[in-house]
Amino acid sequence: MKSMQEPTFLILTALAAGPQHGYGVITDVERISDGQVRLRAGTLYAAFDRLQAEGLIEADREEIVDGRVRRYYRLTGDGAARLAAEAERMSRHARAAAARLRAAGAGGLA
């Protein structure tokens, strides 16, 4: 399985907390990434389409706010499993890097 792009990982992470609409995901991703990742609406909705096609997210519900439809998305079981697998893969890599830095006495790691 190939590694997941960071924006995809962050979108799925945002939805792991529960169903959200697009603007909610945009602000949550920015918060999760400490402002390092700022998604544009067009990028997000293209990602939503792709993630739905892959079965990782699905539409949860719609509501009308100020005369506009607000669609909420949620993580599917497959999406949660894929996110968990990617989080474990990243964690393994981080542990390996930290261990090598410690062994080399580099990076100020104790």
PDB file of N, CA and C in Angstrom:
ATOM      1  N   MET A   1       0.849  -1.175   0.000  1.00  0.00           N
ATOM      2  CA  MET A   1       0.000   0.000   0.000  1.00  0.00           C
ATOM      3  C   MET A   1       0.898   1.242   0.000  1.00  0.00           C
ATOM      4  N   LYS A   2       0.634   2.164  -0.919  1.00  0.00           N
ATOM      5  CA  LYS A   2       1.479   3.349  -0.980  1.00  0.00           C
ATOM      6  C   LYS A   2       1.099   4.343   0.111  1.00  0.00           C
ATOM      7  N   SER A   3       2.065   5.178   0.460  1.00  0.00           N
ATOM      8  CA  SER A   3       1.819   6.130   1.539  1.00  0.00           C
ATOM      9  C   SER A   3       0.796   7.175   1.100  1.00  0.00           C
ATOM     10  N   MET A   4       0.152   7.745   2.086  1.00  0.00           N
ATOM     11  CA  MET A   4      -0.919   8.706   1.880  1.00  0.00           C
ATOM     12  C   MET A   4      -0.330  10.113   1.825  1.00  0.00           C
ATOM     13  N   GLN A   5      -0.848  10.943   0.956  1.00  0.00           N
ATOM     14  CA  GLN A   5      -0.423  12.342   0.906  1.00  0.00           C
ATOM     15  C   GLN A   5      -0.875  13.044   2.190  1.00  0.00           C
ATOM     16  N   GLU A   6      -0.084  14.031   2.629  1.00  0.00           N
ATOM     17  CA  GLU A   6      -0.387  14.715   3.882  1.00  0.00           C
ATOM     18  C   GLU A   6      -1.792  15.332   3.923  1.00  0.00           C
ATOM     19  N   PRO A   7      -2.238  16.040   2.874  1.00  0.00           N
ATOM     20  CA  PRO A   7      -3.595  16.596   2.948  1.00  0.00           C
ATOM     21  C   PRO A   7      -4.669  15.518   3.140  1.00  0.00           C
ATOM     22  N   THR A   8      -4.520  14.389   2.472  1.00  0.00           N
ATOM     23  CA  THR A   8      -5.471  13.281   2.629  1.00  0.00           C
ATOM     24  C   THR A   8      -5.456  12.775   4.059  1.00  0.00           C
ATOM     25  N   PHE A   9      -4.263  12.568   4.613  1.00  0.00           N
ATOM     26  CA  PHE A   9      -4.127  12.122   5.999  1.00  0.00           C
ATOM     27  C   PHE A   9      -4.826  13.094   6.948  1.00  0.00           C
ATOM     28  N   LEU A  10      -4.627  14.381   6.729  1.00  0.00           N
ATOM     29  CA  LEU A  10      -5.216  15.391   7.612  1.00  0.00           C
ATOM     30  C   LEU A  10      -6.734  15.482   7.449  1.00  0.00           C
ATOM     31  N   ILE A  11      -7.239  15.328   6.235  1.00  0.00           N
ATOM     32  CA  ILE A  11      -8.690  15.333   6.014  1.00  0.00           C
ATOM     33  C   ILE A  11      -9.321  14.145   6.743  1.00  0.00           C
ATOM     34  N   LEU A  12      -8.737  12.968   6.584  1.00  0.00           N
ATOM     35  CA  LEU A  12      -9.271  11.793   7.269  1.00  0.00           C
ATOM     36  C   LEU A  12      -9.157  11.947   8.785  1.00  0.00           C
ATOM     37  N   THR A  13      -8.069  12.533   9.251  1.00  0.00           N
ATOM     38  CA  THR A  13      -7.896  12.773  10.687  1.00  0.00           C
ATOM     39  C   THR A  13      -8.986  13.715  11.201  1.00  0.00           C
ATOM     40  N   ALA A  14      -9.277  14.765  10.448  1.00  0.00           N
ATOM     41  CA  ALA A  14     -10.338  15.690  10.843  1.00  0.00           C
ATOM     42  C   ALA A  14     -11.674  14.956  10.943  1.00  0.00           C
ATOM     43  N   LEU A  15     -11.971  14.108   9.977  1.00  0.00           N
ATOM     44  CA  LEU A  15     -13.248  13.398   9.966  1.00  0.00           C
ATOM     45  C   LEU A  15     -13.297  12.269  10.997  1.00  0.00           C
ATOM     46  N   ALA A  16     -12.148  11.851  11.516  1.00  0.00           N
ATOM     47  CA  ALA A  16     -12.134  10.811  12.550  1.00  0.00           C
ATOM     48  C   ALA A  16     -12.816  11.292  13.824  1.00  0.00           C
ATOM     49  N   ALA A  17     -12.883  12.608  14.026  1.00  0.00           N
ATOM     50  CA  ALA A  17     -13.547  13.166  15.213  1.00  0.00           C
ATOM     51  C   ALA A  17     -15.060  13.160  15.070  1.00  0.00           C
ATOM     52  N   GLY A  18     -15.561  12.951  13.861  1.00  0.00           N
ATOM     53  CA  GLY A  18     -17.003  12.945  13.617  1.00  0.00           C
ATOM     54  C   GLY A  18     -17.325  13.698  12.346  1.00  0.00           C
ATOM     55  N   PRO A  19     -18.576  13.606  11.891  1.00  0.00           N
ATOM     56  CA  PRO A  19     -18.968  14.258  10.642  1.00  0.00           C
ATOM     57  C   PRO A  19     -18.722  15.773  10.683  1.00  0.00           C
ATOM     58  N   GLN A  20     -18.250  16.302   9.560  1.00  0.00           N
ATOM     59  CA  GLN A  20     -18.012  17.731   9.432  1.00  0.00           C
ATOM     60  C   GLN A  20     -18.353  18.179   8.020  1.00  0.00           C
ATOM     61  N   HIS A  21     -18.669  19.457   7.885  1.00  0.00           N
ATOM     62  CA  HIS A  21     -18.870  20.045   6.567  1.00  0.00           C
ATOM     63  C   HIS A  21     -17.528  20.578   6.079  1.00  0.00           C
ATOM     64  N   GLY A  22     -17.486  21.005   4.836  1.00  0.00           N
ATOM     65  CA  GLY A  22     -16.230  21.410   4.213  1.00  0.00           C
ATOM     66  C   GLY A  22     -15.457  22.469   4.968  1.00  0.00           C
ATOM     67  N   TYR A  23     -16.126  23.563   5.347  1.00  0.00           N
ATOM     68  CA  TYR A  23     -15.412  24.626   6.055  1.00  0.00           C
ATOM     69  C   TYR A  23     -14.880  24.123   7.397  1.00  0.00           C
ATOM     70  N   GLY A  24     -15.649  23.256   8.060  1.00  0.00           N
ATOM     71  CA  GLY A  24     -15.183  22.665   9.312  1.00  0.00           C
ATOM     72  C   GLY A  24     -13.913  21.857   9.110  1.00  0.00           C
ATOM     73  N   VAL A  25     -13.860  21.092   8.021  1.00  0.00           N
ATOM     74  CA  VAL A  25     -12.661  20.299   7.718  1.00  0.00           C
ATOM     75  C   VAL A  25     -11.486  21.228   7.422  1.00  0.00           C
ATOM     76  N   ILE A  26     -11.716  22.288   6.644  1.00  0.00           N
ATOM     77  CA  ILE A  26     -10.646  23.234   6.318  1.00  0.00           C
ATOM     78  C   ILE A  26     -10.041  23.820   7.590  1.00  0.00           C
ATOM     79  N   THR A  27     -10.888  24.266   8.510  1.00  0.00           N
ATOM     80  CA  THR A  27     -10.367  24.878   9.743  1.00  0.00           C
ATOM     81  C   THR A  27      -9.736  23.837  10.658  1.00  0.00           C
ATOM     82  N   ASP A  28     -10.301  22.624  10.700  1.00  0.00           N
ATOM     83  CA  ASP A  28      -9.735  21.565  11.536  1.00  0.00           C
ATOM     84  C   ASP A  28      -8.366  21.135  11.021  1.00  0.00           C
ATOM     85  N   VAL A  29      -8.226  20.987   9.710  1.00  0.00           N
ATOM     86  CA  VAL A  29      -6.932  20.619   9.123  1.00  0.00           C
ATOM     87  C   VAL A  29      -5.884  21.677   9.452  1.00  0.00           C
ATOM     88  N   GLU A  30      -6.259  22.935   9.360  1.00  0.00           N
ATOM     89  CA  GLU A  30      -5.314  24.002   9.694  1.00  0.00           C
ATOM     90  C   GLU A  30      -4.900  23.906  11.164  1.00  0.00           C
ATOM     91  N   ARG A  31      -5.855  23.615  12.029  1.00  0.00           N
ATOM     92  CA  ARG A  31      -5.567  23.497  13.464  1.00  0.00           C
ATOM     93  C   ARG A  31      -4.682  22.275  13.741  1.00  0.00           C
ATOM     94  N   ILE A  32      -5.036  21.124  13.172  1.00  0.00           N
ATOM     95  CA  ILE A  32      -4.276  19.887  13.376  1.00  0.00           C
ATOM     96  C   ILE A  32      -2.828  20.060  12.923  1.00  0.00           C
ATOM     97  N   SER A  33      -2.641  20.775  11.824  1.00  0.00           N
ATOM     98  CA  SER A  33      -1.298  20.936  11.243  1.00  0.00           C
ATOM     99  C   SER A  33      -0.568  22.164  11.786  1.00  0.00           C
ATOM    100  N   ASP A  34      -1.103  22.782  12.836  1.00  0.00           N
ATOM    101  CA  ASP A  34      -0.501  24.001  13.400  1.00  0.00           C
ATOM    102  C   ASP A  34      -0.294  25.076  12.335  1.00  0.00           C
ATOM    103  N   GLY A  35      -1.266  25.189  11.431  1.00  0.00           N
ATOM    104  CA  GLY A  35      -1.222  26.213  10.400  1.00  0.00           C
ATOM    105  C   GLY A  35      -0.321  25.901   9.218  1.00  0.00           C
ATOM    106  N   GLN A  36       0.276  24.728   9.196  1.00  0.00           N
ATOM    107  CA  GLN A  36       1.184  24.361   8.111  1.00  0.00           C
ATOM    108  C   GLN A  36       0.458  23.972   6.827  1.00  0.00           C
ATOM    109  N   VAL A  37      -0.767  23.464   6.961  1.00  0.00           N
ATOM    110  CA  VAL A  37      -1.544  23.044   5.790  1.00  0.00           C
ATOM    111  C   VAL A  37      -2.836  23.849   5.770  1.00  0.00           C
ATOM    112  N   ARG A  38      -3.032  24.569   4.668  1.00  0.00           N
ATOM    113  CA  ARG A  38      -4.243  25.364   4.465  1.00  0.00           C
ATOM    114  C   ARG A  38      -4.879  24.901   3.161  1.00  0.00           C
ATOM    115  N   LEU A  39      -5.982  24.214   3.287  1.00  0.00           N
ATOM    116  CA  LEU A  39      -6.671  23.686   2.106  1.00  0.00           C
ATOM    117  C   LEU A  39      -7.560  24.751   1.495  1.00  0.00           C
ATOM    118  N   ARG A  40      -7.583  24.795   0.190  1.00  0.00           N
ATOM    119  CA  ARG A  40      -8.527  25.645  -0.534  1.00  0.00           C
ATOM    120  C   ARG A  40      -9.782  24.813  -0.789  1.00  0.00           C
ATOM    121  N   ALA A  41     -10.909  25.493  -0.910  1.00  0.00           N
ATOM    122  CA  ALA A  41     -12.185  24.796  -1.089  1.00  0.00           C
ATOM    123  C   ALA A  41     -12.151  23.867  -2.304  1.00  0.00           C
ATOM    124  N   GLY A  42     -11.619  24.333  -3.427  1.00  0.00           N
ATOM    125  CA  GLY A  42     -11.570  23.496  -4.629  1.00  0.00           C
ATOM    126  C   GLY A  42     -10.753  22.238  -4.419  1.00  0.00           C
ATOM    127  N   THR A  43      -9.640  22.377  -3.732  1.00  0.00           N
ATOM    128  CA  THR A  43      -8.780  21.230  -3.420  1.00  0.00           C
ATOM    129  C   THR A  43      -9.509  20.258  -2.508  1.00  0.00           C
ATOM    130  N   LEU A  44     -10.193  20.800  -1.496  1.00  0.00           N
ATOM    131  CA  LEU A  44     -10.906  19.948  -0.546  1.00  0.00           C
ATOM    132  C   LEU A  44     -12.010  19.163  -1.230  1.00  0.00           C
ATOM    133  N   TYR A  45     -12.831  19.837  -2.041  1.00  0.00           N
ATOM    134  CA  TYR A  45     -13.958  19.133  -2.653  1.00  0.00           C
ATOM    135  C   TYR A  45     -13.497  18.130  -3.701  1.00  0.00           C
ATOM    136  N   ALA A  46     -12.396  18.381  -4.370  1.00  0.00           N
ATOM    137  CA  ALA A  46     -11.817  17.364  -5.268  1.00  0.00           C
ATOM    138  C   ALA A  46     -11.357  16.160  -4.445  1.00  0.00           C
ATOM    139  N   ALA A  47     -10.747  16.427  -3.282  1.00  0.00           N
ATOM    140  CA  ALA A  47     -10.323  15.338  -2.396  1.00  0.00           C
ATOM    141  C   ALA A  47     -11.538  14.570  -1.875  1.00  0.00           C
ATOM    142  N   PHE A  48     -12.612  15.288  -1.495  1.00  0.00           N
ATOM    143  CA  PHE A  48     -13.832  14.615  -1.040  1.00  0.00           C
ATOM    144  C   PHE A  48     -14.341  13.669  -2.122  1.00  0.00           C
ATOM    145  N   ASP A  49     -14.379  14.129  -3.368  1.00  0.00           N
ATOM    146  CA  ASP A  49     -14.854  13.277  -4.469  1.00  0.00           C
ATOM    147  C   ASP A  49     -13.995  12.023  -4.594  1.00  0.00           C
ATOM    148  N   ARG A  50     -12.680  12.206  -4.552  1.00  0.00           N
ATOM    149  CA  ARG A  50     -11.752  11.069  -4.673  1.00  0.00           C
ATOM    150  C   ARG A  50     -11.902  10.108  -3.492  1.00  0.00           C
ATOM    151  N   LEU A  51     -11.975  10.659  -2.286  1.00  0.00           N
ATOM    152  CA  LEU A  51     -12.085   9.820  -1.088  1.00  0.00           C
ATOM    153  C   LEU A  51     -13.415   9.069  -1.048  1.00  0.00           C
ATOM    154  N   GLN A  52     -14.488   9.700  -1.562  1.00  0.00           N
ATOM    155  CA  GLN A  52     -15.766   8.994  -1.664  1.00  0.00           C
ATOM    156  C   GLN A  52     -15.656   7.855  -2.668  1.00  0.00           C
ATOM    157  N   ALA A  53     -15.036   8.119  -3.820  1.00  0.00           N
ATOM    158  CA  ALA A  53     -14.881   7.084  -4.845  1.00  0.00           C
ATOM    159  C   ALA A  53     -14.059   5.902  -4.315  1.00  0.00           C
ATOM    160  N   GLU A  54     -13.110   6.183  -3.425  1.00  0.00           N
ATOM    161  CA  GLU A  54     -12.277   5.135  -2.835  1.00  0.00           C
ATOM    162  C   GLU A  54     -12.962   4.447  -1.652  1.00  0.00           C
ATOM    163  N   GLY A  55     -14.133   4.935  -1.255  1.00  0.00           N
ATOM    164  CA  GLY A  55     -14.867   4.330  -0.149  1.00  0.00           C
ATOM    165  C   GLY A  55     -14.336   4.684   1.234  1.00  0.00           C
ATOM    166  N   LEU A  56     -13.524   5.748   1.327  1.00  0.00           N
ATOM    167  CA  LEU A  56     -12.929   6.123   2.611  1.00  0.00           C
ATOM    168  C   LEU A  56     -13.794   7.108   3.401  1.00  0.00           C
ATOM    169  N   ILE A  57     -14.629   7.882   2.693  1.00  0.00           N
ATOM    170  CA  ILE A  57     -15.585   8.779   3.342  1.00  0.00           C
ATOM    171  C   ILE A  57     -16.918   8.647   2.625  1.00  0.00           C
ATOM    172  N   GLU A  58     -17.964   9.151   3.271  1.00  0.00           N
ATOM    173  CA  GLU A  58     -19.275   9.175   2.633  1.00  0.00           C
ATOM    174  C   GLU A  58     -20.042  10.380   3.147  1.00  0.00           C
ATOM    175  N   ALA A  59     -21.039  10.790   2.358  1.00  0.00           N
ATOM    176  CA  ALA A  59     -21.903  11.887   2.787  1.00  0.00           C
ATOM    177  C   ALA A  59     -22.680  11.413   4.005  1.00  0.00           C
ATOM    178  N   ASP A  60     -22.791  12.281   4.996  1.00  0.00           N
ATOM    179  CA  ASP A  60     -23.482  11.942   6.233  1.00  0.00           C
ATOM    180  C   ASP A  60     -24.888  12.529   6.240  1.00  0.00           C
ATOM    181  N   ARG A  61     -24.983  13.838   5.954  1.00  0.00           N
ATOM    182  CA  ARG A  61     -26.279  14.523   5.939  1.00  0.00           C
ATOM    183  C   ARG A  61     -26.108  15.876   5.271  1.00  0.00           C
ATOM    184  N   GLU A  62     -27.226  16.507   5.002  1.00  0.00           N
ATOM    185  CA  GLU A  62     -27.215  17.868   4.462  1.00  0.00           C
ATOM    186  C   GLU A  62     -28.132  18.724   5.310  1.00  0.00           C
ATOM    187  N   GLU A  63     -27.811  20.004   5.391  1.00  0.00           N
ATOM    188  CA  GLU A  63     -28.693  20.962   6.043  1.00  0.00           C
ATOM    189  C   GLU A  63     -28.631  22.264   5.269  1.00  0.00           C
ATOM    190  N   ILE A  64     -29.655  23.058   5.400  1.00  0.00           N
ATOM    191  CA  ILE A  64     -29.710  24.353   4.731  1.00  0.00           C
ATOM    192  C   ILE A  64     -29.300  25.424   5.739  1.00  0.00           C
ATOM    193  N   VAL A  65     -28.279  26.195   5.393  1.00  0.00           N
ATOM    194  CA  VAL A  65     -27.799  27.290   6.240  1.00  0.00           C
ATOM    195  C   VAL A  65     -27.734  28.538   5.367  1.00  0.00           C
ATOM    196  N   ASP A  66     -28.462  29.574   5.754  1.00  0.00           N
ATOM    197  CA  ASP A  66     -28.513  30.820   4.981  1.00  0.00           C
ATOM    198  C   ASP A  66     -28.848  30.561   3.515  1.00  0.00           C
ATOM    199  N   GLY A  67     -29.782  29.635   3.286  1.00  0.00           N
ATOM    200  CA  GLY A  67     -30.240  29.355   1.931  1.00  0.00           C
ATOM    201  C   GLY A  67     -29.299  28.494   1.101  1.00  0.00           C
ATOM    202  N   ARG A  68     -28.225  28.011   1.707  1.00  0.00           N
ATOM    203  CA  ARG A  68     -27.266  27.170   0.978  1.00  0.00           C
ATOM    204  C   ARG A  68     -27.201  25.787   1.609  1.00  0.00           C
ATOM    205  N   VAL A  69     -26.961  24.793   0.776  1.00  0.00           N
ATOM    206  CA  VAL A  69     -26.845  23.421   1.265  1.00  0.00           C
ATOM    207  C   VAL A  69     -25.466  23.230   1.877  1.00  0.00           C
ATOM    208  N   ARG A  70     -25.455  22.713   3.084  1.00  0.00           N
ATOM    209  CA  ARG A  70     -24.200  22.364   3.757  1.00  0.00           C
ATOM    210  C   ARG A  70     -24.180  20.843   3.890  1.00  0.00           C
ATOM    211  N   ARG A  71     -23.245  20.213   3.202  1.00  0.00           N
ATOM    212  CA  ARG A  71     -23.143  18.752   3.226  1.00  0.00           C
ATOM    213  C   ARG A  71     -22.070  18.349   4.229  1.00  0.00           C
ATOM    214  N   TYR A  72     -22.416  17.386   5.056  1.00  0.00           N
ATOM    215  CA  TYR A  72     -21.478  16.832   6.030  1.00  0.00           C
ATOM    216  C   TYR A  72     -20.954  15.498   5.513  1.00  0.00           C
ATOM    217  N   TYR A  73     -19.686  15.227   5.801  1.00  0.00           N
ATOM    218  CA  TYR A  73     -19.040  13.976   5.407  1.00  0.00           C
ATOM    219  C   TYR A  73     -18.563  13.260   6.653  1.00  0.00           C
ATOM    220  N   ARG A  74     -18.475  11.928   6.537  1.00  0.00           N
ATOM    221  CA  ARG A  74     -17.951  11.156   7.657  1.00  0.00           C
ATOM    222  C   ARG A  74     -17.032  10.062   7.142  1.00  0.00           C
ATOM    223  N   LEU A  75     -16.189   9.611   8.029  1.00  0.00           N
ATOM    224  CA  LEU A  75     -15.257   8.529   7.748  1.00  0.00           C
ATOM    225  C   LEU A  75     -16.034   7.216   7.677  1.00  0.00           C
ATOM    226  N   THR A  76     -15.686   6.357   6.741  1.00  0.00           N
ATOM    227  CA  THR A  76     -16.269   5.014   6.689  1.00  0.00           C
ATOM    228  C   THR A  76     -15.385   4.077   7.519  1.00  0.00           C
ATOM    229  N   GLY A  77     -15.834   2.864   7.700  1.00  0.00           N
ATOM    230  CA  GLY A  77     -15.007   1.859   8.381  1.00  0.00           C
ATOM    231  C   GLY A  77     -13.690   1.643   7.641  1.00  0.00           C
ATOM    232  N   ASP A  78     -13.763   1.582   6.306  1.00  0.00           N
ATOM    233  CA  ASP A  78     -12.538   1.426   5.513  1.00  0.00           C
ATOM    234  C   ASP A  78     -11.634   2.647   5.664  1.00  0.00           C
ATOM    235  N   GLY A  79     -12.243   3.831   5.744  1.00  0.00           N
ATOM    236  CA  GLY A  79     -11.464   5.052   5.928  1.00  0.00           C
ATOM    237  C   GLY A  79     -10.741   5.061   7.264  1.00  0.00           C
ATOM    238  N   ALA A  80     -11.438   4.624   8.311  1.00  0.00           N
ATOM    239  CA  ALA A  80     -10.817   4.560   9.639  1.00  0.00           C
ATOM    240  C   ALA A  80      -9.665   3.551   9.642  1.00  0.00           C
ATOM    241  N   ALA A  81      -9.864   2.408   8.992  1.00  0.00           N
ATOM    242  CA  ALA A  81      -8.811   1.389   8.932  1.00  0.00           C
ATOM    243  C   ALA A  81      -7.606   1.908   8.161  1.00  0.00           C
ATOM    244  N   ARG A  82      -7.851   2.587   7.057  1.00  0.00           N
ATOM    245  CA  ARG A  82      -6.748   3.137   6.237  1.00  0.00           C
ATOM    246  C   ARG A  82      -6.001   4.222   7.001  1.00  0.00           C
ATOM    247  N   LEU A  83      -6.734   5.080   7.725  1.00  0.00           N
ATOM    248  CA  LEU A  83      -6.101   6.116   8.533  1.00  0.00           C
ATOM    249  C   LEU A  83      -5.262   5.490   9.640  1.00  0.00           C
ATOM    250  N   ALA A  84      -5.790   4.481  10.311  1.00  0.00           N
ATOM    251  CA  ALA A  84      -5.044   3.806  11.382  1.00  0.00           C
ATOM    252  C   ALA A  84      -3.769   3.170  10.831  1.00  0.00           C
ATOM    253  N   ALA A  85      -3.860   2.538   9.672  1.00  0.00           N
ATOM    254  CA  ALA A  85      -2.681   1.910   9.068  1.00  0.00           C
ATOM    255  C   ALA A  85      -1.626   2.953   8.711  1.00  0.00           C
ATOM    256  N   GLU A  86      -2.074   4.085   8.173  1.00  0.00           N
ATOM    257  CA  GLU A  86      -1.130   5.144   7.803  1.00  0.00           C
ATOM    258  C   GLU A  86      -0.496   5.769   9.049  1.00  0.00           C
ATOM    259  N   ALA A  87      -1.281   5.969  10.097  1.00  0.00           N
ATOM    260  CA  ALA A  87      -0.740   6.521  11.345  1.00  0.00           C
ATOM    261  C   ALA A  87       0.314   5.577  11.925  1.00  0.00           C
ATOM    262  N   GLU A  88       0.061   4.277  11.879  1.00  0.00           N
ATOM    263  CA  GLU A  88       1.040   3.302  12.383  1.00  0.00           C
ATOM    264  C   GLU A  88       2.305   3.305  11.522  1.00  0.00           C
ATOM    265  N   ARG A  89       2.141   3.391  10.207  1.00  0.00           N
ATOM    266  CA  ARG A  89       3.303   3.430   9.313  1.00  0.00           C
ATOM    267  C   ARG A  89       4.165   4.651   9.620  1.00  0.00           C
ATOM    268  N   MET A  90       3.534   5.806   9.770  1.00  0.00           N
ATOM    269  CA  MET A  90       4.274   7.031  10.068  1.00  0.00           C
ATOM    270  C   MET A  90       4.952   6.940  11.433  1.00  0.00           C
ATOM    271  N   SER A  91       4.275   6.341  12.396  1.00  0.00           N
ATOM    272  CA  SER A  91       4.832   6.183  13.735  1.00  0.00           C
ATOM    273  C   SER A  91       6.063   5.277  13.713  1.00  0.00           C
ATOM    274  N   ARG A  92       6.001   4.188  12.964  1.00  0.00           N
ATOM    275  CA  ARG A  92       7.162   3.288  12.832  1.00  0.00           C
ATOM    276  C   ARG A  92       8.358   4.033  12.245  1.00  0.00           C
ATOM    277  N   HIS A  93       8.110   4.821  11.220  1.00  0.00           N
ATOM    278  CA  HIS A  93       9.194   5.574  10.586  1.00  0.00           C
ATOM    279  C   HIS A  93       9.780   6.596  11.551  1.00  0.00           C
ATOM    280  N   ALA A  94       8.922   7.280  12.300  1.00  0.00           N
ATOM    281  CA  ALA A  94       9.405   8.274  13.270  1.00  0.00           C
ATOM    282  C   ALA A  94      10.231   7.598  14.369  1.00  0.00           C
ATOM    283  N   ARG A  95       9.786   6.433  14.848  1.00  0.00           N
ATOM    284  CA  ARG A  95      10.554   5.712  15.873  1.00  0.00           C
ATOM    285  C   ARG A  95      11.920   5.298  15.332  1.00  0.00           C
ATOM    286  N   ALA A  96      11.969   4.832  14.086  1.00  0.00           N
ATOM    287  CA  ALA A  96      13.239   4.431  13.498  1.00  0.00           C
ATOM    288  C   ALA A  96      14.178   5.625  13.373  1.00  0.00           C
ATOM    289  N   ALA A  97      13.654   6.767  12.936  1.00  0.00           N
ATOM    290  CA  ALA A  97      14.484   7.963  12.806  1.00  0.00           C
ATOM    291  C   ALA A  97      14.999   8.401  14.167  1.00  0.00           C
ATOM    292  N   ALA A  98      14.139   8.421  15.183  1.00  0.00           N
ATOM    293  CA  ALA A  98      14.554   8.834  16.525  1.00  0.00           C
ATOM    294  C   ALA A  98      15.612   7.894  17.090  1.00  0.00           C
ATOM    295  N   ALA A  99      15.441   6.591  16.883  1.00  0.00           N
ATOM    296  CA  ALA A  99      16.423   5.616  17.377  1.00  0.00           C
ATOM    297  C   ALA A  99      17.780   5.823  16.716  1.00  0.00           C
ATOM    298  N   ARG A 100      17.789   6.083  15.432  1.00  0.00           N
ATOM    299  CA  ARG A 100      19.060   6.298  14.732  1.00  0.00           C
ATOM    300  C   ARG A 100      19.722   7.597  15.164  1.00  0.00           C
ATOM    301  N   LEU A 101      18.925   8.611  15.377  1.00  0.00           N
ATOM    302  CA  LEU A 101      19.484   9.884  15.863  1.00  0.00           C
ATOM    303  C   LEU A 101      20.080   9.706  17.261  1.00  0.00           C
ATOM    304  N   ARG A 102      19.388   8.973  18.131  1.00  0.00           N
ATOM    305  CA  ARG A 102      19.919   8.718  19.476  1.00  0.00           C
ATOM    306  C   ARG A 102      21.223   7.946  19.394  1.00  0.00           C
ATOM    307  N   ALA A 103      21.244   6.918  18.545  1.00  0.00           N
ATOM    308  CA  ALA A 103      22.442   6.084  18.410  1.00  0.00           C
ATOM    309  C   ALA A 103      23.623   6.900  17.896  1.00  0.00           C
ATOM    310  N   ALA A 104      23.335   7.886  17.063  1.00  0.00           N
ATOM    311  CA  ALA A 104      24.402   8.705  16.486  1.00  0.00           C
ATOM    312  C   ALA A 104      24.742   9.900  17.388  1.00  0.00           C
ATOM    313  N   GLY A 105      23.950  10.059  18.473  1.00  0.00           N
ATOM    314  CA  GLY A 105      24.185  11.195  19.364  1.00  0.00           C
ATOM    315  C   GLY A 105      23.797  12.501  18.717  1.00  0.00           C
ATOM    316  N   ALA A 106      22.880  12.444  17.779  1.00  0.00           N
ATOM    317  CA  ALA A 106      22.507  13.651  17.031  1.00  0.00           C
ATOM    318  C   ALA A 106      21.119  14.130  17.429  1.00  0.00           C
ATOM    319  N   GLY A 107      20.848  15.346  17.090  1.00  0.00           N
ATOM    320  CA  GLY A 107      19.505  15.888  17.202  1.00  0.00           C
ATOM    321  C   GLY A 107      19.045  16.229  18.591  1.00  0.00           C
ATOM    322  N   GLY A 108      19.926  16.164  19.588  1.00  0.00           N
ATOM    323  CA  GLY A 108      19.544  16.539  20.939  1.00  0.00           C
ATOM    324  C   GLY A 108      18.552  15.594  21.567  1.00  0.00           C
ATOM    325  N   LEU A 109      18.436  14.358  21.039  1.00  0.00           N
ATOM    326  CA  LEU A 109      17.514  13.374  21.624  1.00  0.00           C
ATOM    327  C   LEU A 109      18.204  12.629  22.747  1.00  0.00           C
ATOM    328  N   ALA A 110      17.489  12.433  23.806  1.00  0.00           N
ATOM    329  CA  ALA A 110      18.065  11.716  24.946  1.00  0.00           C
ATOM    330  C   ALA A 110      17.657  10.262  24.930  1.00  0.00           C
TER     331      ALA A 110
END
